[in-house]
């Protein structure tokens, strides 16, 4: 009796477990349209919408959206059936293109199955990477400044330098009297990149503006406190006045913050290695021979390398 009850319980449990799957299969087989010998089902709808981003997929979940998609699939079915009746898929060029598309699809599926899905990166690997590459997850101190520049040419004469220094002195005096830095930058600065924005350079960290403004300007920007205005700074390209607008302290990402980024990076690296290894294994299974002579024979000769021009002799 107990044995019978146990068997009955197992049958009932199996039936309960299979009910959702049976319902799903029934839903997938639901026919929305018949076109000649073909049918358009929920499975066809799912196949199309599964490739869409969630926000677009939602459009086809309503009755109106689903109807529009069924109408599109109906047109495709009509046209494809007629094309096959006319044996257009057997035409050489069309058959080649069909093969290319099919090859791309099955290659993607092969790589997913044999490479991507087999790569697993554990938490221990992620933590090890984080500890070994900790410097990558440190964001250095950043500063945003406003600048006023009075330019110097590369070959500026002492007189030209004196004239530009005088402009800088006058600007400095106005700032000390209380003139607004940004308004003054718009008025007198000769730096085309920042003049219209009141001299705003945007945020930068050490080493990122050295080539643009010079080492002394960058060092002073990082040394000053927020709101402070520098003395006149002489660089190769001119005289600067700078004001520190905002500072962001050095920030270090925690392991938890960086975890998803590290995982993506490691998976991509491991997938690339696995792909290369997998490709080499296939070459053993399917030997590859490239006929270099035939390739060279069918191609035009490479153009000769350009020769350096010889200086023309001076005219007597």
C-alpha atoms as a PDB file:
ATOM      1  CA  UNK A   1       0.000   0.000   0.000  1.00  0.00           C
ATOM      2  CA  UNK A   2       2.825   2.376   0.918  1.00  0.00           C
ATOM      3  CA  UNK A   3       4.564   1.545  -2.345  1.00  0.00           C
ATOM      4  CA  UNK A   4       1.405   2.410  -4.323  1.00  0.00           C
ATOM      5  CA  UNK A   5       1.051   5.717  -2.472  1.00  0.00           C
ATOM      6  CA  UNK A   6       4.702   6.537  -3.142  1.00  0.00           C
ATOM      7  CA  UNK A   7       4.355   5.841  -6.873  1.00  0.00           C
ATOM      8  CA  UNK A   8       1.140   7.897  -6.995  1.00  0.00           C
ATOM      9  CA  UNK A   9       2.880  10.798  -5.241  1.00  0.00           C
ATOM     10  CA  UNK A  10       5.787  10.662  -7.692  1.00  0.00           C
ATOM     11  CA  UNK A  11       3.418  10.685 -10.682  1.00  0.00           C
ATOM     12  CA  UNK A  12       1.520  13.676  -9.272  1.00  0.00           C
ATOM     13  CA  UNK A  13       4.783  15.529  -8.569  1.00  0.00           C
ATOM     14  CA  UNK A  14       6.048  14.847 -12.094  1.00  0.00           C
ATOM     15  CA  UNK A  15       2.766  16.095 -13.532  1.00  0.00           C
ATOM     16  CA  UNK A  16       2.958  19.283 -11.487  1.00  0.00           C
ATOM     17  CA  UNK A  17       6.560  19.907 -12.543  1.00  0.00           C
ATOM     18  CA  UNK A  18       5.838  19.365 -16.232  1.00  0.00           C
ATOM     19  CA  UNK A  19       2.733  21.546 -16.278  1.00  0.00           C
ATOM     20  CA  UNK A  20       4.618  24.873 -16.711  1.00  0.00           C
ATOM     21  CA  UNK A  21       6.762  23.387 -19.491  1.00  0.00           C
ATOM     22  CA  UNK A  22       3.718  21.949 -21.231  1.00  0.00           C
ATOM     23  CA  UNK A  23       2.004  25.321 -20.994  1.00  0.00           C
ATOM     24  CA  UNK A  24       5.090  27.041 -22.420  1.00  0.00           C
ATOM     25  CA  UNK A  25       5.265  24.559 -25.297  1.00  0.00           C
ATOM     26  CA  UNK A  26       1.572  25.071 -26.001  1.00  0.00           C
ATOM     27  CA  UNK A  27       2.029  28.863 -25.995  1.00  0.00           C
ATOM     28  CA  UNK A  28       5.026  28.629 -28.336  1.00  0.00           C
ATOM     29  CA  UNK A  29       3.013  26.501 -30.785  1.00  0.00           C
ATOM     30  CA  UNK A  30       0.063  28.932 -30.848  1.00  0.00           C
ATOM     31  CA  UNK A  31      -0.623  29.794 -34.512  1.00  0.00           C
ATOM     32  CA  UNK A  32      -1.189  33.477 -35.334  1.00  0.00           C
ATOM     33  CA  UNK A  33      -1.277  33.232 -39.130  1.00  0.00           C
ATOM     34  CA  UNK A  34      -1.099  30.722 -41.980  1.00  0.00           C
ATOM     35  CA  UNK A  35       0.701  31.637 -45.188  1.00  0.00           C
ATOM     36  CA  UNK A  36       0.450  28.901 -47.820  1.00  0.00           C
ATOM     37  CA  UNK A  37       2.154  25.912 -46.263  1.00  0.00           C
ATOM     38  CA  UNK A  38       3.838  27.923 -43.518  1.00  0.00           C
ATOM     39  CA  UNK A  39       2.533  29.033 -40.132  1.00  0.00           C
ATOM     40  CA  UNK A  40       3.519  31.946 -37.928  1.00  0.00           C
ATOM     41  CA  UNK A  41       3.579  31.002 -34.253  1.00  0.00           C
ATOM     42  CA  UNK A  42       4.494  32.488 -30.900  1.00  0.00           C
ATOM     43  CA  UNK A  43       7.877  30.799 -31.308  1.00  0.00           C
ATOM     44  CA  UNK A  44       8.469  32.918 -34.435  1.00  0.00           C
ATOM     45  CA  UNK A  45       7.507  36.044 -32.497  1.00  0.00           C
ATOM     46  CA  UNK A  46       9.865  35.107 -29.665  1.00  0.00           C
ATOM     47  CA  UNK A  47      12.679  34.417 -32.126  1.00  0.00           C
ATOM     48  CA  UNK A  48      12.386  37.937 -33.524  1.00  0.00           C
ATOM     49  CA  UNK A  49      11.866  39.836 -30.273  1.00  0.00           C
ATOM     50  CA  UNK A  50      14.549  37.994 -28.292  1.00  0.00           C
ATOM     51  CA  UNK A  51      17.209  39.848 -30.267  1.00  0.00           C
ATOM     52  CA  UNK A  52      15.755  43.264 -29.394  1.00  0.00           C
ATOM     53  CA  UNK A  53      16.664  45.443 -26.386  1.00  0.00           C
ATOM     54  CA  UNK A  54      14.054  45.236 -23.580  1.00  0.00           C
ATOM     55  CA  UNK A  55      12.595  48.699 -24.311  1.00  0.00           C
ATOM     56  CA  UNK A  56      11.878  47.727 -27.934  1.00  0.00           C
ATOM     57  CA  UNK A  57      10.741  44.215 -27.034  1.00  0.00           C
ATOM     58  CA  UNK A  58       7.940  45.659 -24.893  1.00  0.00           C
ATOM     59  CA  UNK A  59       6.349  47.205 -28.001  1.00  0.00           C
ATOM     60  CA  UNK A  60       5.479  43.753 -29.338  1.00  0.00           C
ATOM     61  CA  UNK A  61       3.985  42.423 -26.122  1.00  0.00           C
ATOM     62  CA  UNK A  62       0.721  44.308 -26.661  1.00  0.00           C
ATOM     63  CA  UNK A  63      -1.964  42.955 -29.004  1.00  0.00           C
ATOM     64  CA  UNK A  64      -1.440  45.866 -31.389  1.00  0.00           C
ATOM     65  CA  UNK A  65       2.325  45.445 -31.441  1.00  0.00           C
ATOM     66  CA  UNK A  66       2.079  41.696 -31.869  1.00  0.00           C
ATOM     67  CA  UNK A  67      -0.333  42.165 -34.795  1.00  0.00           C
ATOM     68  CA  UNK A  68       2.093  44.499 -36.564  1.00  0.00           C
ATOM     69  CA  UNK A  69       4.904  41.986 -36.142  1.00  0.00           C
ATOM     70  CA  UNK A  70       2.703  39.137 -37.420  1.00  0.00           C
ATOM     71  CA  UNK A  71       1.893  41.254 -40.502  1.00  0.00           C
ATOM     72  CA  UNK A  72       5.627  41.821 -41.105  1.00  0.00           C
ATOM     73  CA  UNK A  73       6.353  38.095 -40.755  1.00  0.00           C
ATOM     74  CA  UNK A  74       3.449  37.348 -43.118  1.00  0.00           C
ATOM     75  CA  UNK A  75       4.981  39.567 -45.810  1.00  0.00           C
ATOM     76  CA  UNK A  76       8.361  37.915 -45.335  1.00  0.00           C
ATOM     77  CA  UNK A  77       6.785  34.470 -45.627  1.00  0.00           C
ATOM     78  CA  UNK A  78       4.915  35.426 -48.803  1.00  0.00           C
ATOM     79  CA  UNK A  79       8.042  36.771 -50.463  1.00  0.00           C
ATOM     80  CA  UNK A  80      10.384  33.980 -49.334  1.00  0.00           C
ATOM     81  CA  UNK A  81       7.999  31.237 -50.468  1.00  0.00           C
ATOM     82  CA  UNK A  82       7.682  32.836 -53.900  1.00  0.00           C
ATOM     83  CA  UNK A  83      11.467  33.294 -54.134  1.00  0.00           C
ATOM     84  CA  UNK A  84      11.990  29.598 -53.408  1.00  0.00           C
ATOM     85  CA  UNK A  85       9.289  28.624 -55.909  1.00  0.00           C
ATOM     86  CA  UNK A  86      11.246  30.535 -58.523  1.00  0.00           C
ATOM     87  CA  UNK A  87      14.398  28.751 -57.237  1.00  0.00           C
ATOM     88  CA  UNK A  88      16.153  32.054 -56.640  1.00  0.00           C
ATOM     89  CA  UNK A  89      17.933  30.443 -53.696  1.00  0.00           C
ATOM     90  CA  UNK A  90      19.599  28.095 -56.201  1.00  0.00           C
ATOM     91  CA  UNK A  91      21.198  30.934 -58.195  1.00  0.00           C
ATOM     92  CA  UNK A  92      24.959  30.818 -57.777  1.00  0.00           C
ATOM     93  CA  UNK A  93      25.433  34.334 -56.359  1.00  0.00           C
ATOM     94  CA  UNK A  94      22.413  34.053 -54.055  1.00  0.00           C
ATOM     95  CA  UNK A  95      23.508  30.600 -52.856  1.00  0.00           C
ATOM     96  CA  UNK A  96      26.960  31.994 -52.014  1.00  0.00           C
ATOM     97  CA  UNK A  97      25.457  34.827 -49.988  1.00  0.00           C
ATOM     98  CA  UNK A  98      23.108  32.420 -48.189  1.00  0.00           C
ATOM     99  CA  UNK A  99      26.101  30.239 -47.320  1.00  0.00           C
ATOM    100  CA  UNK A 100      28.044  33.265 -46.014  1.00  0.00           C
ATOM    101  CA  UNK A 101      25.138  34.275 -43.766  1.00  0.00           C
ATOM    102  CA  UNK A 102      24.645  30.701 -42.567  1.00  0.00           C
ATOM    103  CA  UNK A 103      28.393  30.308 -41.947  1.00  0.00           C
ATOM    104  CA  UNK A 104      28.469  33.484 -39.848  1.00  0.00           C
ATOM    105  CA  UNK A 105      25.538  32.287 -37.743  1.00  0.00           C
ATOM    106  CA  UNK A 106      26.918  28.826 -37.063  1.00  0.00           C
ATOM    107  CA  UNK A 107      30.425  30.210 -36.398  1.00  0.00           C
ATOM    108  CA  UNK A 108      28.975  32.538 -33.756  1.00  0.00           C
ATOM    109  CA  UNK A 109      27.149  29.613 -32.179  1.00  0.00           C
ATOM    110  CA  UNK A 110      30.291  27.435 -32.348  1.00  0.00           C
ATOM    111  CA  UNK A 111      32.449  30.067 -30.625  1.00  0.00           C
ATOM    112  CA  UNK A 112      29.786  30.602 -27.972  1.00  0.00           C
ATOM    113  CA  UNK A 113      29.515  26.854 -27.312  1.00  0.00           C
ATOM    114  CA  UNK A 114      33.184  25.864 -27.520  1.00  0.00           C
ATOM    115  CA  UNK A 115      34.917  29.007 -26.240  1.00  0.00           C
ATOM    116  CA  UNK A 116      32.781  31.630 -24.484  1.00  0.00           C
ATOM    117  CA  UNK A 117      30.528  29.336 -22.445  1.00  0.00           C
ATOM    118  CA  UNK A 118      33.516  27.335 -21.208  1.00  0.00           C
ATOM    119  CA  UNK A 119      35.308  30.333 -19.664  1.00  0.00           C
ATOM    120  CA  UNK A 120      34.604  30.686 -15.973  1.00  0.00           C
ATOM    121  CA  UNK A 121      36.373  33.269 -13.828  1.00  0.00           C
ATOM    122  CA  UNK A 122      36.084  32.688 -10.075  1.00  0.00           C
ATOM    123  CA  UNK A 123      36.123  35.225  -7.241  1.00  0.00           C
ATOM    124  CA  UNK A 124      39.611  34.096  -6.222  1.00  0.00           C
ATOM    125  CA  UNK A 125      40.931  34.930  -9.706  1.00  0.00           C
ATOM    126  CA  UNK A 126      39.217  38.323  -9.605  1.00  0.00           C
ATOM    127  CA  UNK A 127      40.690  39.186  -6.198  1.00  0.00           C
ATOM    128  CA  UNK A 128      44.153  38.070  -7.341  1.00  0.00           C
ATOM    129  CA  UNK A 129      43.924  40.343 -10.391  1.00  0.00           C
ATOM    130  CA  UNK A 130      42.756  43.255  -8.227  1.00  0.00           C
ATOM    131  CA  UNK A 131      45.689  42.885  -5.831  1.00  0.00           C
ATOM    132  CA  UNK A 132      48.245  42.519  -8.640  1.00  0.00           C
ATOM    133  CA  UNK A 133      46.882  45.511 -10.621  1.00  0.00           C
ATOM    134  CA  UNK A 134      45.780  47.747  -7.773  1.00  0.00           C
ATOM    135  CA  UNK A 135      47.343  50.845  -9.358  1.00  0.00           C
ATOM    136  CA  UNK A 136      44.857  50.573 -12.237  1.00  0.00           C
ATOM    137  CA  UNK A 137      42.004  51.173  -9.819  1.00  0.00           C
ATOM    138  CA  UNK A 138      43.401  54.340  -8.262  1.00  0.00           C
ATOM    139  CA  UNK A 139      42.039  57.541  -9.769  1.00  0.00           C
ATOM    140  CA  UNK A 140      44.605  60.307  -9.149  1.00  0.00           C
ATOM    141  CA  UNK A 141      43.847  63.721  -7.685  1.00  0.00           C
ATOM    142  CA  UNK A 142      42.207  66.038 -10.231  1.00  0.00           C
ATOM    143  CA  UNK A 143      41.964  69.796 -10.403  1.00  0.00           C
ATOM    144  CA  UNK A 144      39.916  72.242 -12.464  1.00  0.00           C
ATOM    145  CA  UNK A 145      41.341  75.719 -12.988  1.00  0.00           C
ATOM    146  CA  UNK A 146      40.627  78.900 -14.876  1.00  0.00           C
ATOM    147  CA  UNK A 147      43.527  80.475 -16.722  1.00  0.00           C
ATOM    148  CA  UNK A 148      44.460  83.809 -18.221  1.00  0.00           C
ATOM    149  CA  UNK A 149      47.245  83.575 -20.798  1.00  0.00           C
ATOM    150  CA  UNK A 150      49.304  86.260 -22.500  1.00  0.00           C
ATOM    151  CA  UNK A 151      51.048  84.462 -25.343  1.00  0.00           C
ATOM    152  CA  UNK A 152      54.723  84.484 -26.298  1.00  0.00           C
ATOM    153  CA  UNK A 153      55.986  83.482 -29.729  1.00  0.00           C
ATOM    154  CA  UNK A 154      58.791  80.899 -29.936  1.00  0.00           C
ATOM    155  CA  UNK A 155      61.267  83.552 -31.031  1.00  0.00           C
ATOM    156  CA  UNK A 156      59.861  86.431 -28.967  1.00  0.00           C
ATOM    157  CA  UNK A 157      62.182  89.400 -28.590  1.00  0.00           C
ATOM    158  CA  UNK A 158      62.948  90.963 -25.178  1.00  0.00           C
ATOM    159  CA  UNK A 159      60.647  93.869 -26.103  1.00  0.00           C
ATOM    160  CA  UNK A 160      57.768  91.525 -26.950  1.00  0.00           C
ATOM    161  CA  UNK A 161      58.270  89.631 -23.684  1.00  0.00           C
ATOM    162  CA  UNK A 162      58.258  92.907 -21.770  1.00  0.00           C
ATOM    163  CA  UNK A 163      54.996  94.000 -23.441  1.00  0.00           C
ATOM    164  CA  UNK A 164      53.262  90.690 -22.629  1.00  0.00           C
ATOM    165  CA  UNK A 165      54.562  90.738 -19.056  1.00  0.00           C
ATOM    166  CA  UNK A 166      53.114  94.222 -18.676  1.00  0.00           C
ATOM    167  CA  UNK A 167      49.673  92.883 -19.743  1.00  0.00           C
ATOM    168  CA  UNK A 168      49.969  90.135 -17.138  1.00  0.00           C
ATOM    169  CA  UNK A 169      50.917  92.676 -14.447  1.00  0.00           C
ATOM    170  CA  UNK A 170      47.882  94.789 -15.304  1.00  0.00           C
ATOM    171  CA  UNK A 171      45.571  91.767 -15.155  1.00  0.00           C
ATOM    172  CA  UNK A 172      47.035  90.756 -11.802  1.00  0.00           C
ATOM    173  CA  UNK A 173      46.401  94.243 -10.398  1.00  0.00           C
ATOM    174  CA  UNK A 174      42.759  94.065 -11.494  1.00  0.00           C
ATOM    175  CA  UNK A 175      42.341  90.701  -9.808  1.00  0.00           C
ATOM    176  CA  UNK A 176      43.826  92.030  -6.579  1.00  0.00           C
ATOM    177  CA  UNK A 177      41.318  94.887  -6.704  1.00  0.00           C
ATOM    178  CA  UNK A 178      38.512  92.320  -6.840  1.00  0.00           C
ATOM    179  CA  UNK A 179      37.753  91.848 -10.560  1.00  0.00           C
ATOM    180  CA  UNK A 180      36.003  88.551 -11.355  1.00  0.00           C
ATOM    181  CA  UNK A 181      38.530  86.060 -12.735  1.00  0.00           C
ATOM    182  CA  UNK A 182      36.229  84.477 -15.338  1.00  0.00           C
ATOM    183  CA  UNK A 183      35.010  87.824 -16.674  1.00  0.00           C
ATOM    184  CA  UNK A 184      38.578  89.077 -16.914  1.00  0.00           C
ATOM    185  CA  UNK A 185      39.651  85.882 -18.733  1.00  0.00           C
ATOM    186  CA  UNK A 186      36.910  86.431 -21.327  1.00  0.00           C
ATOM    187  CA  UNK A 187      38.088  90.006 -21.757  1.00  0.00           C
ATOM    188  CA  UNK A 188      41.894  89.760 -21.918  1.00  0.00           C
ATOM    189  CA  UNK A 189      43.056  86.098 -22.152  1.00  0.00           C
ATOM    190  CA  UNK A 190      44.793  85.097 -25.393  1.00  0.00           C
ATOM    191  CA  UNK A 191      44.122  81.355 -25.003  1.00  0.00           C
ATOM    192  CA  UNK A 192      41.588  80.568 -27.753  1.00  0.00           C
ATOM    193  CA  UNK A 193      40.666  77.191 -26.244  1.00  0.00           C
ATOM    194  CA  UNK A 194      39.447  78.544 -22.912  1.00  0.00           C
ATOM    195  CA  UNK A 195      38.826  82.281 -23.398  1.00  0.00           C
ATOM    196  CA  UNK A 196      35.090  82.006 -24.197  1.00  0.00           C
ATOM    197  CA  UNK A 197      34.469  79.781 -21.144  1.00  0.00           C
ATOM    198  CA  UNK A 198      36.170  82.171 -18.756  1.00  0.00           C
ATOM    199  CA  UNK A 199      39.457  80.257 -18.871  1.00  0.00           C
ATOM    200  CA  UNK A 200      37.926  76.947 -17.734  1.00  0.00           C
ATOM    201  CA  UNK A 201      40.325  74.078 -18.449  1.00  0.00           C
ATOM    202  CA  UNK A 202      38.118  71.255 -17.175  1.00  0.00           C
ATOM    203  CA  UNK A 203      39.463  68.646 -14.748  1.00  0.00           C
ATOM    204  CA  UNK A 204      42.936  67.202 -15.234  1.00  0.00           C
ATOM    205  CA  UNK A 205      45.433  65.158 -13.234  1.00  0.00           C
ATOM    206  CA  UNK A 206      49.213  65.313 -12.993  1.00  0.00           C
ATOM    207  CA  UNK A 207      50.931  64.960 -16.365  1.00  0.00           C
ATOM    208  CA  UNK A 208      47.788  65.539 -18.440  1.00  0.00           C
ATOM    209  CA  UNK A 209      48.245  69.275 -19.187  1.00  0.00           C
ATOM    210  CA  UNK A 210      52.033  69.539 -19.125  1.00  0.00           C
ATOM    211  CA  UNK A 211      52.358  69.713 -22.899  1.00  0.00           C
ATOM    212  CA  UNK A 212      49.488  72.198 -23.178  1.00  0.00           C
ATOM    213  CA  UNK A 213      50.266  74.728 -20.460  1.00  0.00           C
ATOM    214  CA  UNK A 214      53.654  73.718 -19.085  1.00  0.00           C
ATOM    215  CA  UNK A 215      55.082  71.987 -16.048  1.00  0.00           C
ATOM    216  CA  UNK A 216      55.070  75.041 -13.771  1.00  0.00           C
ATOM    217  CA  UNK A 217      51.401  75.786 -14.459  1.00  0.00           C
ATOM    218  CA  UNK A 218      50.420  72.188 -13.743  1.00  0.00           C
ATOM    219  CA  UNK A 219      52.459  72.029 -10.532  1.00  0.00           C
ATOM    220  CA  UNK A 220      50.995  75.307  -9.263  1.00  0.00           C
ATOM    221  CA  UNK A 221      47.437  74.183 -10.101  1.00  0.00           C
ATOM    222  CA  UNK A 222      47.879  71.045  -8.002  1.00  0.00           C
ATOM    223  CA  UNK A 223      49.601  72.927  -5.171  1.00  0.00           C
ATOM    224  CA  UNK A 224      47.107  75.770  -4.705  1.00  0.00           C
ATOM    225  CA  UNK A 225      43.947  75.421  -2.634  1.00  0.00           C
ATOM    226  CA  UNK A 226      40.434  75.815  -4.040  1.00  0.00           C
ATOM    227  CA  UNK A 227      39.715  79.488  -4.724  1.00  0.00           C
ATOM    228  CA  UNK A 228      43.357  80.592  -4.636  1.00  0.00           C
ATOM    229  CA  UNK A 229      44.866  82.683  -7.449  1.00  0.00           C
ATOM    230  CA  UNK A 230      48.485  82.249  -8.463  1.00  0.00           C
ATOM    231  CA  UNK A 231      51.174  84.832  -9.027  1.00  0.00           C
ATOM    232  CA  UNK A 232      52.263  85.350 -12.640  1.00  0.00           C
ATOM    233  CA  UNK A 233      53.774  82.124 -13.995  1.00  0.00           C
ATOM    234  CA  UNK A 234      56.220  82.358 -16.904  1.00  0.00           C
ATOM    235  CA  UNK A 235      56.181  79.429 -19.333  1.00  0.00           C
ATOM    236  CA  UNK A 236      57.702  78.973 -22.786  1.00  0.00           C
ATOM    237  CA  UNK A 237      54.433  79.892 -24.480  1.00  0.00           C
ATOM    238  CA  UNK A 238      53.517  82.879 -22.331  1.00  0.00           C
ATOM    239  CA  UNK A 239      52.574  84.387 -18.979  1.00  0.00           C
ATOM    240  CA  UNK A 240      49.812  82.718 -16.949  1.00  0.00           C
ATOM    241  CA  UNK A 241      47.515  83.622 -14.118  1.00  0.00           C
ATOM    242  CA  UNK A 242      45.498  80.709 -12.762  1.00  0.00           C
ATOM    243  CA  UNK A 243      42.678  80.255 -10.271  1.00  0.00           C
ATOM    244  CA  UNK A 244      41.797  76.870  -8.775  1.00  0.00           C
ATOM    245  CA  UNK A 245      38.077  76.252  -9.178  1.00  0.00           C
ATOM    246  CA  UNK A 246      37.610  72.739  -7.799  1.00  0.00           C
ATOM    247  CA  UNK A 247      39.608  69.745  -6.640  1.00  0.00           C
ATOM    248  CA  UNK A 248      38.820  66.047  -6.532  1.00  0.00           C
ATOM    249  CA  UNK A 249      40.966  63.976  -4.132  1.00  0.00           C
ATOM    250  CA  UNK A 250      42.600  60.722  -5.141  1.00  0.00           C
ATOM    251  CA  UNK A 251      40.030  57.936  -5.203  1.00  0.00           C
ATOM    252  CA  UNK A 252      40.631  54.199  -4.928  1.00  0.00           C
ATOM    253  CA  UNK A 253      38.032  51.749  -6.217  1.00  0.00           C
ATOM    254  CA  UNK A 254      37.246  48.960  -3.777  1.00  0.00           C
ATOM    255  CA  UNK A 255      37.274  45.366  -4.970  1.00  0.00           C
ATOM    256  CA  UNK A 256      33.480  45.269  -4.924  1.00  0.00           C
ATOM    257  CA  UNK A 257      33.260  48.436  -7.057  1.00  0.00           C
ATOM    258  CA  UNK A 258      35.803  47.126  -9.541  1.00  0.00           C
ATOM    259  CA  UNK A 259      34.653  43.476  -9.553  1.00  0.00           C
ATOM    260  CA  UNK A 260      32.367  43.603 -12.617  1.00  0.00           C
ATOM    261  CA  UNK A 261      34.964  45.565 -14.596  1.00  0.00           C
ATOM    262  CA  UNK A 262      37.702  43.061 -13.712  1.00  0.00           C
ATOM    263  CA  UNK A 263      35.424  40.147 -14.592  1.00  0.00           C
ATOM    264  CA  UNK A 264      34.704  41.560 -18.062  1.00  0.00           C
ATOM    265  CA  UNK A 265      38.387  42.257 -18.634  1.00  0.00           C
ATOM    266  CA  UNK A 266      39.513  38.808 -17.525  1.00  0.00           C
ATOM    267  CA  UNK A 267      36.776  37.020 -19.458  1.00  0.00           C
ATOM    268  CA  UNK A 268      37.709  38.875 -22.635  1.00  0.00           C
ATOM    269  CA  UNK A 269      41.380  38.039 -22.154  1.00  0.00           C
ATOM    270  CA  UNK A 270      40.689  34.382 -21.353  1.00  0.00           C
ATOM    271  CA  UNK A 271      38.266  34.110 -24.264  1.00  0.00           C
ATOM    272  CA  UNK A 272      40.871  35.523 -26.634  1.00  0.00           C
ATOM    273  CA  UNK A 273      43.456  32.980 -25.432  1.00  0.00           C
ATOM    274  CA  UNK A 274      40.924  30.127 -25.586  1.00  0.00           C
ATOM    275  CA  UNK A 275      39.865  31.197 -29.085  1.00  0.00           C
ATOM    276  CA  UNK A 276      43.479  31.144 -30.325  1.00  0.00           C
ATOM    277  CA  UNK A 277      44.053  27.735 -28.735  1.00  0.00           C
ATOM    278  CA  UNK A 278      40.813  26.361 -30.174  1.00  0.00           C
ATOM    279  CA  UNK A 279      41.704  27.641 -33.643  1.00  0.00           C
ATOM    280  CA  UNK A 280      45.100  25.917 -33.486  1.00  0.00           C
ATOM    281  CA  UNK A 281      43.430  22.645 -32.448  1.00  0.00           C
ATOM    282  CA  UNK A 282      41.121  22.867 -35.468  1.00  0.00           C
ATOM    283  CA  UNK A 283      44.106  23.278 -37.775  1.00  0.00           C
ATOM    284  CA  UNK A 284      45.315  19.858 -36.621  1.00  0.00           C
ATOM    285  CA  UNK A 285      41.904  18.391 -37.356  1.00  0.00           C
ATOM    286  CA  UNK A 286      41.534  20.200 -40.692  1.00  0.00           C
ATOM    287  CA  UNK A 287      45.057  20.750 -42.125  1.00  0.00           C
ATOM    288  CA  UNK A 288      45.498  24.185 -43.701  1.00  0.00           C
ATOM    289  CA  UNK A 289      47.765  24.839 -46.680  1.00  0.00           C
ATOM    290  CA  UNK A 290      48.095  28.351 -48.112  1.00  0.00           C
ATOM    291  CA  UNK A 291      49.475  28.438 -51.645  1.00  0.00           C
ATOM    292  CA  UNK A 292      51.664  31.531 -51.450  1.00  0.00           C
ATOM    293  CA  UNK A 293      52.911  31.111 -55.044  1.00  0.00           C
ATOM    294  CA  UNK A 294      49.384  31.210 -56.479  1.00  0.00           C
ATOM    295  CA  UNK A 295      48.526  34.248 -54.376  1.00  0.00           C
ATOM    296  CA  UNK A 296      51.627  36.088 -55.556  1.00  0.00           C
ATOM    297  CA  UNK A 297      51.084  35.043 -59.193  1.00  0.00           C
ATOM    298  CA  UNK A 298      47.597  36.543 -59.333  1.00  0.00           C
ATOM    299  CA  UNK A 299      48.471  39.861 -57.711  1.00  0.00           C
ATOM    300  CA  UNK A 300      50.223  42.940 -59.134  1.00  0.00           C
ATOM    301  CA  UNK A 301      53.778  43.556 -58.001  1.00  0.00           C
ATOM    302  CA  UNK A 302      54.221  45.767 -54.953  1.00  0.00           C
ATOM    303  CA  UNK A 303      55.157  49.335 -55.867  1.00  0.00           C
ATOM    304  CA  UNK A 304      58.814  50.232 -55.224  1.00  0.00           C
ATOM    305  CA  UNK A 305      59.576  52.021 -51.970  1.00  0.00           C
ATOM    306  CA  UNK A 306      59.766  55.793 -52.398  1.00  0.00           C
ATOM    307  CA  UNK A 307      63.312  57.092 -52.650  1.00  0.00           C
ATOM    308  CA  UNK A 308      64.382  60.115 -50.582  1.00  0.00           C
ATOM    309  CA  UNK A 309      64.640  63.262 -52.654  1.00  0.00           C
ATOM    310  CA  UNK A 310      68.163  64.407 -53.385  1.00  0.00           C
ATOM    311  CA  UNK A 311      68.892  68.079 -52.655  1.00  0.00           C
ATOM    312  CA  UNK A 312      69.156  70.166 -55.758  1.00  0.00           C
ATOM    313  CA  UNK A 313      72.604  71.634 -56.433  1.00  0.00           C
ATOM    314  CA  UNK A 314      72.892  75.322 -55.715  1.00  0.00           C
ATOM    315  CA  UNK A 315      72.674  77.583 -58.752  1.00  0.00           C
ATOM    316  CA  UNK A 316      75.942  79.327 -59.542  1.00  0.00           C
END
